C-alpha atoms as a PDB file:
ATOM      1  CA  MET A   1       0.000   0.000   0.000  1.00  0.00           C
ATOM      2  CA  GLY A   2       1.446   3.376  -0.962  1.00  0.00           C
ATOM      3  CA  CYS A   3       0.161   5.257   2.083  1.00  0.00           C
ATOM      4  CA  SER A   4      -0.882   4.390   5.572  1.00  0.00           C
ATOM      5  CA  THR A   5      -4.030   2.305   5.877  1.00  0.00           C
ATOM      6  CA  GLN A   6      -5.515   4.788   8.355  1.00  0.00           C
ATOM      7  CA  GLN A   7      -5.155   7.679   5.889  1.00  0.00           C
ATOM      8  CA  THR A   8      -6.525   5.602   3.025  1.00  0.00           C
ATOM      9  CA  ILE A   9      -9.537   4.502   5.086  1.00  0.00           C
ATOM     10  CA  ARG A  10     -10.319   8.082   6.138  1.00  0.00           C
ATOM     11  CA  SER A  11     -10.040   9.261   2.531  1.00  0.00           C
ATOM     12  CA  ARG A  12     -12.356   6.533   1.262  1.00  0.00           C
ATOM     13  CA  VAL A  13     -14.973   7.340   3.891  1.00  0.00           C
ATOM     14  CA  ALA A  14     -14.789  11.060   3.130  1.00  0.00           C
ATOM     15  CA  GLY A  15     -15.023  10.395  -0.609  1.00  0.00           C
ATOM     16  CA  GLN A  16     -11.639  12.028  -1.223  1.00  0.00           C
ATOM     17  CA  PRO A  17      -8.645  10.615  -3.098  1.00  0.00           C
ATOM     18  CA  ALA A  18      -6.070   8.805  -1.004  1.00  0.00           C
ATOM     19  CA  PRO A  19      -3.003  10.859  -0.033  1.00  0.00           C
ATOM     20  CA  ALA A  20       0.129  10.611  -2.114  1.00  0.00           C
ATOM     21  CA  ALA A  21       2.698   7.955  -1.334  1.00  0.00           C
ATOM     22  CA  GLY A  22       5.556   8.730   0.994  1.00  0.00           C
ATOM     23  CA  PRO A  23       9.256   8.848   0.117  1.00  0.00           C
ATOM     24  CA  PRO A  24      10.349   6.068  -2.260  1.00  0.00           C
ATOM     25  CA  SER A  25      12.045   2.950  -0.923  1.00  0.00           C
ATOM     26  CA  THR A  26      15.663   2.152  -1.719  1.00  0.00           C
ATOM     27  CA  TYR A  27      14.305  -0.684  -3.868  1.00  0.00           C
ATOM     28  CA  ALA A  28      13.918   0.849  -7.320  1.00  0.00           C
ATOM     29  CA  GLY A  29      12.244  -2.079  -9.052  1.00  0.00           C
ATOM     30  CA  PRO A  30       8.571  -2.646  -9.812  1.00  0.00           C
ATOM     31  CA  PRO A  31       6.058  -3.289  -7.012  1.00  0.00           C
ATOM     32  CA  LEU A  32       6.286  -6.609  -5.237  1.00  0.00           C
ATOM     33  CA  VAL A  33       3.451  -8.864  -4.135  1.00  0.00           C
ATOM     34  CA  VAL A  34       3.962 -10.861  -0.952  1.00  0.00           C
ATOM     35  CA  ARG A  35       1.106 -12.953   0.401  1.00  0.00           C
ATOM     36  CA  CYS A  36       1.184 -15.211   3.443  1.00  0.00           C
ATOM     37  CA  LEU A  37      -2.516 -15.470   4.348  1.00  0.00           C
ATOM     38  CA  GLY A  38      -4.263 -18.380   2.660  1.00  0.00           C
ATOM     39  CA  GLY A  39      -1.026 -19.533   1.046  1.00  0.00           C
ATOM     40  CA  PHE A  40       2.411 -18.139   0.242  1.00  0.00           C
ATOM     41  CA  GLU A  41       2.992 -16.116  -2.892  1.00  0.00           C
ATOM     42  CA  LEU A  42       5.851 -13.888  -3.967  1.00  0.00           C
ATOM     43  CA  ARG A  43       5.688 -12.039  -7.269  1.00  0.00           C
ATOM     44  CA  ILE A  44       8.381  -9.802  -8.670  1.00  0.00           C
ATOM     45  CA  PRO A  45       6.933  -8.326 -11.875  1.00  0.00           C
ATOM     46  CA  GLY A  46       9.089  -9.017 -14.883  1.00  0.00           C
ATOM     47  CA  ARG A  47      10.621 -12.137 -13.374  1.00  0.00           C
ATOM     48  CA  GLN A  48       9.637 -15.789 -13.272  1.00  0.00           C
ATOM     49  CA  LEU A  49      10.855 -17.340 -10.025  1.00  0.00           C
ATOM     50  CA  ASP A  50      11.927 -20.984 -10.288  1.00  0.00           C
ATOM     51  CA  TRP A  51      11.371 -22.344  -6.788  1.00  0.00           C
ATOM     52  CA  THR A  52      12.736 -25.777  -7.714  1.00  0.00           C
ATOM     53  CA  THR A  53      16.249 -24.320  -7.596  1.00  0.00           C
ATOM     54  CA  VAL A  54      15.935 -23.324  -3.921  1.00  0.00           C
ATOM     55  CA  ARG A  55      16.364 -25.744  -1.024  1.00  0.00           C
ATOM     56  CA  PRO A  56      13.353 -26.234   1.288  1.00  0.00           C
ATOM     57  CA  ARG A  57      15.073 -24.618   4.290  1.00  0.00           C
ATOM     58  CA  VAL A  58      15.888 -21.506   2.260  1.00  0.00           C
ATOM     59  CA  ARG A  59      12.276 -21.294   1.067  1.00  0.00           C
ATOM     60  CA  ALA A  60      11.219 -21.622   4.711  1.00  0.00           C
ATOM     61  CA  LEU A  61      13.553 -18.740   5.602  1.00  0.00           C
ATOM     62  CA  LEU A  62      11.883 -16.569   2.965  1.00  0.00           C
ATOM     63  CA  ARG A  63       8.399 -17.443   4.247  1.00  0.00           C
ATOM     64  CA  PHE A  64       9.517 -16.778   7.825  1.00  0.00           C
ATOM     65  CA  LEU A  65      10.784 -13.290   6.937  1.00  0.00           C
ATOM     66  CA  ALA A  66       7.727 -12.601   4.765  1.00  0.00           C
ATOM     67  CA  ALA A  67       5.380 -13.556   7.596  1.00  0.00           C
ATOM     68  CA  HIS A  68       6.870 -10.722   9.650  1.00  0.00           C
ATOM     69  CA  GLY A  69       5.726  -8.177   7.065  1.00  0.00           C
ATOM     70  CA  GLY A  70       9.058  -6.405   6.685  1.00  0.00           C
ATOM     71  CA  ARG A  71       9.800  -6.147  10.402  1.00  0.00           C
ATOM     72  CA  PRO A  72      13.348  -7.086  11.508  1.00  0.00           C
ATOM     73  CA  VAL A  73      13.729 -10.469  13.195  1.00  0.00           C
ATOM     74  CA  HIS A  74      16.650 -11.192  15.510  1.00  0.00           C
ATOM     75  CA  ARG A  75      18.865 -14.034  14.388  1.00  0.00           C
ATOM     76  CA  GLU A  76      18.269 -15.941  17.645  1.00  0.00           C
ATOM     77  CA  ILE A  77      14.556 -16.085  16.836  1.00  0.00           C
ATOM     78  CA  ILE A  78      15.311 -17.242  13.290  1.00  0.00           C
ATOM     79  CA  LEU A  79      17.701 -19.925  14.548  1.00  0.00           C
ATOM     80  CA  ALA A  80      15.200 -21.189  17.112  1.00  0.00           C
ATOM     81  CA  ALA A  81      12.532 -21.422  14.423  1.00  0.00           C
ATOM     82  CA  LEU A  82      14.466 -22.897  11.503  1.00  0.00           C
ATOM     83  CA  TRP A  83      17.561 -24.581  12.950  1.00  0.00           C
ATOM     84  CA  PRO A  84      16.495 -25.583  16.477  1.00  0.00           C
ATOM     85  CA  GLU A  85      18.481 -28.815  16.330  1.00  0.00           C
ATOM     86  CA  LEU A  86      21.835 -27.077  15.796  1.00  0.00           C
ATOM     87  CA  PRO A  87      24.234 -25.418  18.253  1.00  0.00           C
ATOM     88  CA  VAL A  88      24.508 -21.659  17.827  1.00  0.00           C
ATOM     89  CA  GLY A  89      27.717 -21.672  15.752  1.00  0.00           C
ATOM     90  CA  PRO A  90      26.576 -24.086  13.030  1.00  0.00           C
ATOM     91  CA  GLY A  91      23.127 -22.517  13.119  1.00  0.00           C
ATOM     92  CA  ILE A  92      24.564 -19.066  12.376  1.00  0.00           C
ATOM     93  CA  ARG A  93      26.637 -20.485   9.514  1.00  0.00           C
ATOM     94  CA  ASN A  94      23.537 -22.082   8.050  1.00  0.00           C
ATOM     95  CA  LEU A  95      21.666 -18.803   8.425  1.00  0.00           C
ATOM     96  CA  HIS A  96      24.422 -16.902   6.612  1.00  0.00           C
ATOM     97  CA  VAL A  97      24.422 -19.426   3.774  1.00  0.00           C
ATOM     98  CA  GLY A  98      20.618 -19.314   3.614  1.00  0.00           C
ATOM     99  CA  VAL A  99      20.537 -15.506   3.482  1.00  0.00           C
ATOM    100  CA  SER A 100      23.230 -15.440   0.793  1.00  0.00           C
ATOM    101  CA  THR A 101      21.350 -18.018  -1.284  1.00  0.00           C
ATOM    102  CA  LEU A 102      18.095 -16.131  -0.860  1.00  0.00           C
ATOM    103  CA  ARG A 103      19.670 -12.857  -1.947  1.00  0.00           C
ATOM    104  CA  ALA A 104      21.136 -14.454  -5.068  1.00  0.00           C
ATOM    105  CA  PHE A 105      17.774 -16.040  -5.880  1.00  0.00           C
ATOM    106  CA  LEU A 106      15.721 -12.871  -5.435  1.00  0.00           C
ATOM    107  CA  GLU A 107      18.249 -10.485  -6.991  1.00  0.00           C
ATOM    108  CA  PRO A 108      20.502 -12.387  -9.438  1.00  0.00           C
ATOM    109  CA  GLY A 109      23.884 -10.770  -9.910  1.00  0.00           C
ATOM    110  CA  VAL A 110      23.594  -8.555  -6.846  1.00  0.00           C
ATOM    111  CA  ARG A 111      26.961  -7.725  -5.307  1.00  0.00           C
ATOM    112  CA  ARG A 112      27.849  -8.795  -1.788  1.00  0.00           C
ATOM    113  CA  GLY A 113      26.347  -6.337   0.674  1.00  0.00           C
ATOM    114  CA  GLN A 114      24.211  -4.664  -2.009  1.00  0.00           C
ATOM    115  CA  SER A 115      20.955  -6.603  -1.610  1.00  0.00           C
ATOM    116  CA  THR A 116      17.921  -4.348  -1.309  1.00  0.00           C
ATOM    117  CA  LEU A 117      15.378  -7.050  -0.487  1.00  0.00           C
ATOM    118  CA  VAL A 118      16.995  -9.137   2.240  1.00  0.00           C
ATOM    119  CA  ARG A 119      18.626  -6.727   4.654  1.00  0.00           C
ATOM    120  CA  ARG A 120      20.670  -7.157   7.794  1.00  0.00           C
ATOM    121  CA  ASP A 121      20.223  -4.703  10.655  1.00  0.00           C
ATOM    122  CA  GLY A 122      22.814  -5.557  13.298  1.00  0.00           C
ATOM    123  CA  GLU A 123      21.917  -9.078  14.388  1.00  0.00           C
ATOM    124  CA  SER A 124      18.486  -8.955  12.775  1.00  0.00           C
ATOM    125  CA  TYR A 125      17.266  -9.716   9.268  1.00  0.00           C
ATOM    126  CA  ARG A 126      14.222  -8.516   7.387  1.00  0.00           C
ATOM    127  CA  LEU A 127      12.525  -8.687   4.031  1.00  0.00           C
ATOM    128  CA  ALA A 128      12.841  -5.041   3.055  1.00  0.00           C
ATOM    129  CA  LEU A 129       9.442  -4.345   1.526  1.00  0.00           C
ATOM    130  CA  PRO A 130       8.918  -0.951  -0.125  1.00  0.00           C
ATOM    131  CA  ARG A 131       5.762   0.933   0.789  1.00  0.00           C
ATOM    132  CA  ALA A 132       4.439   0.322  -2.720  1.00  0.00           C
ATOM    133  CA  ALA A 133       4.606  -3.441  -2.208  1.00  0.00           C
ATOM    134  CA  LEU A 134       1.404  -5.386  -1.635  1.00  0.00           C
ATOM    135  CA  CYS A 135       1.940  -7.374   1.556  1.00  0.00           C
ATOM    136  CA  ASP A 136      -1.172  -8.908   3.085  1.00  0.00           C
ATOM    137  CA  VAL A 137       0.159  -9.400   6.614  1.00  0.00           C
ATOM    138  CA  ARG A 138       1.437  -5.830   6.753  1.00  0.00           C
ATOM    139  CA  SER A 139      -1.845  -4.444   5.395  1.00  0.00           C
ATOM    140  CA  PHE A 140      -3.856  -6.609   7.787  1.00  0.00           C
ATOM    141  CA  GLU A 141      -1.835  -5.417  10.786  1.00  0.00           C
ATOM    142  CA  GLU A 142      -2.154  -1.777   9.707  1.00  0.00           C
ATOM    143  CA  ALA A 143      -5.921  -2.084   9.330  1.00  0.00           C
ATOM    144  CA  ILE A 144      -6.223  -3.676  12.780  1.00  0.00           C
ATOM    145  CA  ALA A 145      -4.119  -0.857  14.236  1.00  0.00           C
ATOM    146  CA  ALA A 146      -6.356   1.728  12.496  1.00  0.00           C
ATOM    147  CA  TRP A 147      -9.447   0.078  13.975  1.00  0.00           C
ATOM    148  CA  ARG A 148      -7.978   0.081  17.477  1.00  0.00           C
ATOM    149  CA  ARG A 149      -7.091   3.755  17.210  1.00  0.00           C
ATOM    150  CA  THR A 150     -10.686   4.635  16.346  1.00  0.00           C
ATOM    151  CA  PHE A 151     -12.367   2.156  18.709  1.00  0.00           C
ATOM    152  CA  GLY A 152     -14.543   3.972  21.220  1.00  0.00           C
ATOM    153  CA  THR A 153     -14.119   7.382  19.558  1.00  0.00           C
ATOM    154  CA  GLY A 154     -17.571   7.389  18.006  1.00  0.00           C
ATOM    155  CA  GLN A 155     -16.195   7.305  14.459  1.00  0.00           C
ATOM    156  CA  ARG A 156     -18.328   4.329  13.505  1.00  0.00           C
ATOM    157  CA  ARG A 157     -17.892   4.647   9.736  1.00  0.00           C
ATOM    158  CA  VAL A 158     -14.112   4.892   9.964  1.00  0.00           C
ATOM    159  CA  GLU A 159     -14.039   2.014  12.428  1.00  0.00           C
ATOM    160  CA  ALA A 160     -16.171  -0.169  10.147  1.00  0.00           C
ATOM    161  CA  ALA A 161     -14.029   0.731   7.129  1.00  0.00           C
ATOM    162  CA  ALA A 162     -10.883  -0.363   8.972  1.00  0.00           C
ATOM    163  CA  LEU A 163     -12.494  -3.669   9.897  1.00  0.00           C
ATOM    164  CA  ARG A 164     -13.584  -4.292   6.299  1.00  0.00           C
ATOM    165  CA  GLU A 165     -10.040  -3.513   5.177  1.00  0.00           C
ATOM    166  CA  ALA A 166      -8.603  -6.051   7.627  1.00  0.00           C
ATOM    167  CA  LEU A 167     -11.050  -8.759   6.560  1.00  0.00           C
ATOM    168  CA  ALA A 168     -10.342  -8.103   2.884  1.00  0.00           C
ATOM    169  CA  HIS A 169      -6.707  -9.012   3.504  1.00  0.00           C
ATOM    170  CA  TYR A 170      -7.453 -12.064   5.639  1.00  0.00           C
ATOM    171  CA  THR A 171      -7.977 -14.701   2.954  1.00  0.00           C
ATOM    172  CA  GLY A 172      -7.117 -17.709   5.096  1.00  0.00           C
ATOM    173  CA  ASP A 173      -4.705 -19.159   7.622  1.00  0.00           C
ATOM    174  CA  LEU A 174      -1.144 -17.910   7.810  1.00  0.00           C
ATOM    175  CA  LEU A 175       1.158 -20.074   5.656  1.00  0.00           C
ATOM    176  CA  PRO A 176      -0.978 -23.228   5.577  1.00  0.00           C
ATOM    177  CA  GLU A 177       1.747 -24.996   3.561  1.00  0.00           C
ATOM    178  CA  ASP A 178       3.946 -24.992   6.675  1.00  0.00           C
ATOM    179  CA  GLY A 179       1.434 -27.168   8.533  1.00  0.00           C
ATOM    180  CA  PRO A 180       1.981 -27.578  12.279  1.00  0.00           C
ATOM    181  CA  VAL A 181       5.547 -26.258  12.267  1.00  0.00           C
ATOM    182  CA  GLU A 182       6.046 -24.768  15.711  1.00  0.00           C
ATOM    183  CA  TRP A 183       7.159 -21.300  14.667  1.00  0.00           C
ATOM    184  CA  VAL A 184       4.066 -20.615  12.572  1.00  0.00           C
ATOM    185  CA  VAL A 185       1.348 -22.085  14.821  1.00  0.00           C
ATOM    186  CA  ALA A 186       1.237 -19.273  17.391  1.00  0.00           C
ATOM    187  CA  GLU A 187       1.214 -16.544  14.743  1.00  0.00           C
ATOM    188  CA  ARG A 188      -1.392 -18.421  12.727  1.00  0.00           C
ATOM    189  CA  ASP A 189      -3.650 -18.617  15.782  1.00  0.00           C
ATOM    190  CA  ARG A 190      -3.082 -14.926  16.530  1.00  0.00           C
ATOM    191  CA  TYR A 191      -4.108 -13.852  13.036  1.00  0.00           C
ATOM    192  CA  ARG A 192      -7.131 -16.150  13.084  1.00  0.00           C
ATOM    193  CA  THR A 193      -8.248 -14.719  16.425  1.00  0.00           C
ATOM    194  CA  LEU A 194      -7.798 -11.137  15.211  1.00  0.00           C
ATOM    195  CA  ALA A 195      -9.738 -11.851  12.031  1.00  0.00           C
ATOM    196  CA  ALA A 196     -12.620 -13.513  13.890  1.00  0.00           C
ATOM    197  CA  GLU A 197     -12.698 -10.631  16.381  1.00  0.00           C
ATOM    198  CA  SER A 198     -12.715  -8.137  13.509  1.00  0.00           C
ATOM    199  CA  ALA A 199     -15.641  -9.883  11.822  1.00  0.00           C
ATOM    200  CA  ALA A 200     -17.659  -9.965  15.042  1.00  0.00           C
ATOM    201  CA  ALA A 201     -16.895  -6.301  15.740  1.00  0.00           C
ATOM    202  CA  LEU A 202     -17.937  -5.355  12.203  1.00  0.00           C
ATOM    203  CA  ALA A 203     -21.141  -7.387  12.581  1.00  0.00           C
ATOM    204  CA  ALA A 204     -21.934  -5.482  15.788  1.00  0.00           C
ATOM    205  CA  LEU A 205     -21.389  -2.131  14.054  1.00  0.00           C
ATOM    206  CA  GLU A 206     -23.553  -3.132  11.103  1.00  0.00           C
ATOM    207  CA  LEU A 207     -26.299  -4.316  13.449  1.00  0.00           C
ATOM    208  CA  GLU A 208     -26.154  -1.058  15.392  1.00  0.00           C
ATOM    209  CA  ALA A 209     -26.467   0.880  12.140  1.00  0.00           C
ATOM    210  CA  GLY A 210     -29.457  -1.203  11.065  1.00  0.00           C
ATOM    211  CA  HIS A 211     -27.597  -2.804   8.153  1.00  0.00           C
ATOM    212  CA  LEU A 212     -29.041  -6.238   8.822  1.00  0.00           C
ATOM    213  CA  ALA A 213     -27.857  -8.066   5.703  1.00  0.00           C
ATOM    214  CA  ALA A 214     -24.330  -6.739   6.242  1.00  0.00           C
ATOM    215  CA  ALA A 215     -24.486  -7.780   9.904  1.00  0.00           C
ATOM    216  CA  VAL A 216     -25.485 -11.305   8.870  1.00  0.00           C
ATOM    217  CA  ALA A 217     -22.654 -11.475   6.327  1.00  0.00           C
ATOM    218  CA  ALA A 218     -20.029 -10.248   8.802  1.00  0.00           C
ATOM    219  CA  ALA A 219     -21.223 -12.576  11.562  1.00  0.00           C
ATOM    220  CA  ARG A 220     -21.118 -15.533   9.179  1.00  0.00           C
ATOM    221  CA  ARG A 221     -17.618 -14.571   8.104  1.00  0.00           C
ATOM    222  CA  GLY A 222     -16.543 -14.538  11.728  1.00  0.00           C
ATOM    223  CA  LEU A 223     -18.029 -17.978  12.308  1.00  0.00           C
ATOM    224  CA  GLU A 224     -16.283 -19.339   9.233  1.00  0.00           C
ATOM    225  CA  ILE A 225     -13.021 -18.261  10.818  1.00  0.00           C
ATOM    226  CA  ASP A 226     -13.901 -19.322  14.385  1.00  0.00           C
ATOM    227  CA  GLY A 227     -17.111 -21.241  14.924  1.00  0.00           C
ATOM    228  CA  PHE A 228     -17.002 -20.832  18.708  1.00  0.00           C
ATOM    229  CA  ARG A 229     -17.422 -17.063  19.064  1.00  0.00           C
ATOM    230  CA  ASP A 230     -20.468 -16.355  21.230  1.00  0.00           C
ATOM    231  CA  ASP A 231     -20.712 -12.746  20.037  1.00  0.00           C
ATOM    232  CA  ALA A 232     -20.868 -13.735  16.364  1.00  0.00           C
ATOM    233  CA  TRP A 233     -23.577 -16.346  17.009  1.00  0.00           C
ATOM    234  CA  ARG A 234     -25.584 -13.882  19.097  1.00  0.00           C
ATOM    235  CA  ILE A 235     -25.378 -11.095  16.500  1.00  0.00           C
ATOM    236  CA  LEU A 236     -26.275 -13.503  13.706  1.00  0.00           C
ATOM    237  CA  ALA A 237     -29.405 -14.642  15.546  1.00  0.00           C
ATOM    238  CA  GLU A 238     -30.396 -11.068  16.416  1.00  0.00           C
ATOM    239  CA  ALA A 239     -29.863  -9.810  12.866  1.00  0.00           C
ATOM    240  CA  HIS A 240     -32.089 -12.587  11.519  1.00  0.00           C
ATOM    241  CA  GLN A 241     -34.722 -11.789  14.162  1.00  0.00           C
ATOM    242  CA  ARG A 242     -34.718  -8.064  13.400  1.00  0.00           C
ATOM    243  CA  SER A 243     -35.005  -8.719   9.687  1.00  0.00           C
ATOM    244  CA  GLY A 244     -38.174 -10.692  10.329  1.00  0.00           C
ATOM    245  CA  ASP A 245     -36.701 -14.110   9.619  1.00  0.00           C
ATOM    246  CA  ALA A 246     -37.701 -15.841  12.855  1.00  0.00           C
ATOM    247  CA  ALA A 247     -37.000 -19.280  11.371  1.00  0.00           C
ATOM    248  CA  ALA A 248     -33.398 -18.365  10.536  1.00  0.00           C
ATOM    249  CA  ALA A 249     -32.961 -16.913  14.021  1.00  0.00           C
ATOM    250  CA  ALA A 250     -34.265 -20.139  15.553  1.00  0.00           C
ATOM    251  CA  ARG A 251     -31.957 -22.243  13.371  1.00  0.00           C
ATOM    252  CA  THR A 252     -29.013 -20.099  14.441  1.00  0.00           C
ATOM    253  CA  ARG A 253     -29.800 -20.534  18.134  1.00  0.00           C
ATOM    254  CA  SER A 254     -30.262 -24.273  17.645  1.00  0.00           C
ATOM    255  CA  ALA A 255     -26.976 -24.601  15.737  1.00  0.00           C
ATOM    256  CA  TYR A 256     -25.091 -22.747  18.462  1.00  0.00           C
ATOM    257  CA  GLY A 257     -26.659 -24.972  21.084  1.00  0.00           C
ATOM    258  CA  ARG A 258     -25.361 -28.032  19.229  1.00  0.00           C
ATOM    259  CA  VAL A 259     -21.880 -26.519  19.059  1.00  0.00           C
ATOM    260  CA  LEU A 260     -21.869 -25.922  22.801  1.00  0.00           C
ATOM    261  CA  ARG A 261     -23.155 -29.406  23.579  1.00  0.00           C
ATOM    262  CA  THR A 262     -20.193 -30.913  21.720  1.00  0.00           C
ATOM    263  CA  LEU A 263     -18.008 -29.020  24.184  1.00  0.00           C
ATOM    264  CA  GLY A 264     -20.089 -29.961  27.209  1.00  0.00           C
ATOM    265  CA  VAL A 265     -20.866 -26.299  27.836  1.00  0.00           C
ATOM    266  CA  PRO A 266     -24.354 -25.031  28.786  1.00  0.00           C
ATOM    267  CA  GLY A 267     -25.782 -22.519  26.338  1.00  0.00           C
ATOM    268  CA  PRO A 268     -26.465 -18.873  27.200  1.00  0.00           C
ATOM    269  CA  ALA A 269     -30.022 -17.700  27.834  1.00  0.00           C
ATOM    270  CA  TRP A 270     -30.375 -16.061  24.418  1.00  0.00           C
ATOM    271  CA  ALA A 271     -29.699 -19.417  22.694  1.00  0.00           C
ATOM    272  CA  ALA A 272     -32.413 -21.273  24.594  1.00  0.00           C
END
């Protein structure tokens, strides 16, 4: 995104053009696309990346850095995630080789120390994403931050726009191709929780505004992400009830009751 998500959201709500992009990045090439939600994707326009030439651990290093959305990651964290079986010395050597290989793969012919995409900051490494790059985890985090800044300020339209922005970027679990690898599980759960919370919060705002169909859609989205959220079930039932669809409201309450019974948990009064 070429400007901050908060500014873009405010501009969209006000019906004004988004502000101009900030200072250019040191990376002078075309915009990049980096996606980690719903599956990994890296696109460098004008280039066809041949992943078969890169070892699995190096590809994992790229996904690890990409999942941090351009933020620096200390080498100790990288070593613990990708080379946990090695002592520190051999682990650092493997990291250096992996970074060098990754730089050569992403920027063929780049001179030593001249990489613009994989940067070292002291003892940390990062995927140096320009502001013009499309990075779903970065955009998702920025939208969540924009929502939190406006939460409770009475700016309902701006708040709802930020939540829609976050949900637009959340297209699925973080790096599903990495399966139950320890380093990704906690972050995957965190993103899933944030997305489900965002959907439920958006559903509540839509219900408050009387946008019943939108409230139903947002509540259902939240339940697709996390089927155990009481607030999403409650809003879904209430939105159906207010829209005059008593049968759908009853089915929603019944479905939630079944979910709770599988957990051995008594249902709330509204679901009775």
